[in-house]
Structure formats: structure tokens, C-alpha cells
Amino acid sequence: QRLGRHRWVVERTVSWLAGCRRLHRRYERKPEHFLAFVGIAAALICHRRLTK
């Protein structure tokens, strides 16, 4: 019952990050760069959600 709520949040977040097309190309490179791009993508997603 409660697992479904948490799973939905994770799936929604992953789908938002999948919207950043450059992110999956950077996955194979240095992990520090990949984490930096994930942070930038998360910041952009938050900015877009807050400005609505």
C-alpha cells in the first residue's frame, strides 16, 4: 500500500530526468561529470516547476 506511493515518486523523477536527452550520453564518461549533469538537470526541473 505505502510502497506504491514511494514507487510512483521515484518513477516520476526518473521520467523527468529521462527528458534531458544529453544525460544518457554522458553516462559512460566520468562519474563526476554524470553526477554534475544530474544535478544541473534536477535544478532545471525544479526551476521549471517553481516558475509555473
C-alpha atoms as a PDB file:
ATOM      1  CA  GLN A   1       0.000   0.000   0.000  1.00  0.00           C
ATOM      2  CA  ARG A   2       2.641   2.561   1.003  1.00  0.00           C
ATOM      3  CA  LEU A   3       5.242   1.142  -1.371  1.00  0.00           C
ATOM      4  CA  GLY A   4       3.120   2.183  -4.334  1.00  0.00           C
ATOM      5  CA  ARG A   5       3.232   5.829  -3.292  1.00  0.00           C
ATOM      6  CA  HIS A   6       7.007   5.841  -2.942  1.00  0.00           C
ATOM      7  CA  ARG A   7       7.496   3.929  -6.176  1.00  0.00           C
ATOM      8  CA  TRP A   8       5.378   6.451  -8.073  1.00  0.00           C
ATOM      9  CA  VAL A   9       7.593   9.326  -6.861  1.00  0.00           C
ATOM     10  CA  VAL A  10      10.748   7.515  -7.973  1.00  0.00           C
ATOM     11  CA  GLU A  11       9.295   6.600 -11.386  1.00  0.00           C
ATOM     12  CA  ARG A  12       8.103  10.175 -11.923  1.00  0.00           C
ATOM     13  CA  THR A  13      11.544  11.568 -11.060  1.00  0.00           C
ATOM     14  CA  VAL A  14      13.301   9.118 -13.362  1.00  0.00           C
ATOM     15  CA  SER A  15      10.944  10.049 -16.197  1.00  0.00           C
ATOM     16  CA  TRP A  16      11.674  13.755 -15.620  1.00  0.00           C
ATOM     17  CA  LEU A  17      15.407  13.054 -15.799  1.00  0.00           C
ATOM     18  CA  ALA A  18      14.866  10.969 -18.944  1.00  0.00           C
ATOM     19  CA  GLY A  19      13.517  14.132 -20.542  1.00  0.00           C
ATOM     20  CA  CYS A  20      17.065  15.505 -20.505  1.00  0.00           C
ATOM     21  CA  ARG A  21      18.388  13.843 -23.625  1.00  0.00           C
ATOM     22  CA  ARG A  22      22.044  14.739 -23.076  1.00  0.00           C
ATOM     23  CA  LEU A  23      22.090  12.925 -19.772  1.00  0.00           C
ATOM     24  CA  HIS A  24      22.091   9.375 -21.143  1.00  0.00           C
ATOM     25  CA  ARG A  25      25.005  10.134 -23.484  1.00  0.00           C
ATOM     26  CA  ARG A  26      27.147  11.306 -20.575  1.00  0.00           C
ATOM     27  CA  TYR A  27      26.570   8.141 -18.562  1.00  0.00           C
ATOM     28  CA  GLU A  28      29.575   6.253 -19.913  1.00  0.00           C
ATOM     29  CA  ARG A  29      32.076   9.011 -19.128  1.00  0.00           C
ATOM     30  CA  LYS A  30      33.488  10.038 -15.758  1.00  0.00           C
ATOM     31  CA  PRO A  31      31.036   9.528 -12.883  1.00  0.00           C
ATOM     32  CA  GLU A  32      31.762  13.013 -11.517  1.00  0.00           C
ATOM     33  CA  HIS A  33      30.597  14.570 -14.766  1.00  0.00           C
ATOM     34  CA  PHE A  34      27.478  12.416 -14.847  1.00  0.00           C
ATOM     35  CA  LEU A  35      26.547  13.431 -11.287  1.00  0.00           C
ATOM     36  CA  ALA A  36      27.129  17.076 -12.147  1.00  0.00           C
ATOM     37  CA  PHE A  37      24.778  16.812 -15.134  1.00  0.00           C
ATOM     38  CA  VAL A  38      22.170  15.073 -12.961  1.00  0.00           C
ATOM     39  CA  GLY A  39      22.428  17.952 -10.501  1.00  0.00           C
ATOM     40  CA  ILE A  40      22.015  20.511 -13.274  1.00  0.00           C
ATOM     41  CA  ALA A  41      19.046  18.619 -14.701  1.00  0.00           C
ATOM     42  CA  ALA A  42      17.412  18.417 -11.265  1.00  0.00           C
ATOM     43  CA  ALA A  43      17.930  22.145 -10.744  1.00  0.00           C
ATOM     44  CA  LEU A  44      16.366  22.925 -14.128  1.00  0.00           C
ATOM     45  CA  ILE A  45      13.400  20.661 -13.393  1.00  0.00           C
ATOM     46  CA  CYS A  46      12.853  22.353 -10.021  1.00  0.00           C
ATOM     47  CA  HIS A  47      13.161  25.794 -11.592  1.00  0.00           C
ATOM     48  CA  ARG A  48      10.585  24.954 -14.262  1.00  0.00           C
ATOM     49  CA  ARG A  49       8.166  23.546 -11.662  1.00  0.00           C
ATOM     50  CA  LEU A  50       8.513  26.554  -9.363  1.00  0.00           C
ATOM     51  CA  THR A  51       8.040  29.153 -12.115  1.00  0.00           C
ATOM     52  CA  LYS A  52       4.681  27.682 -13.188  1.00  0.00           C
END
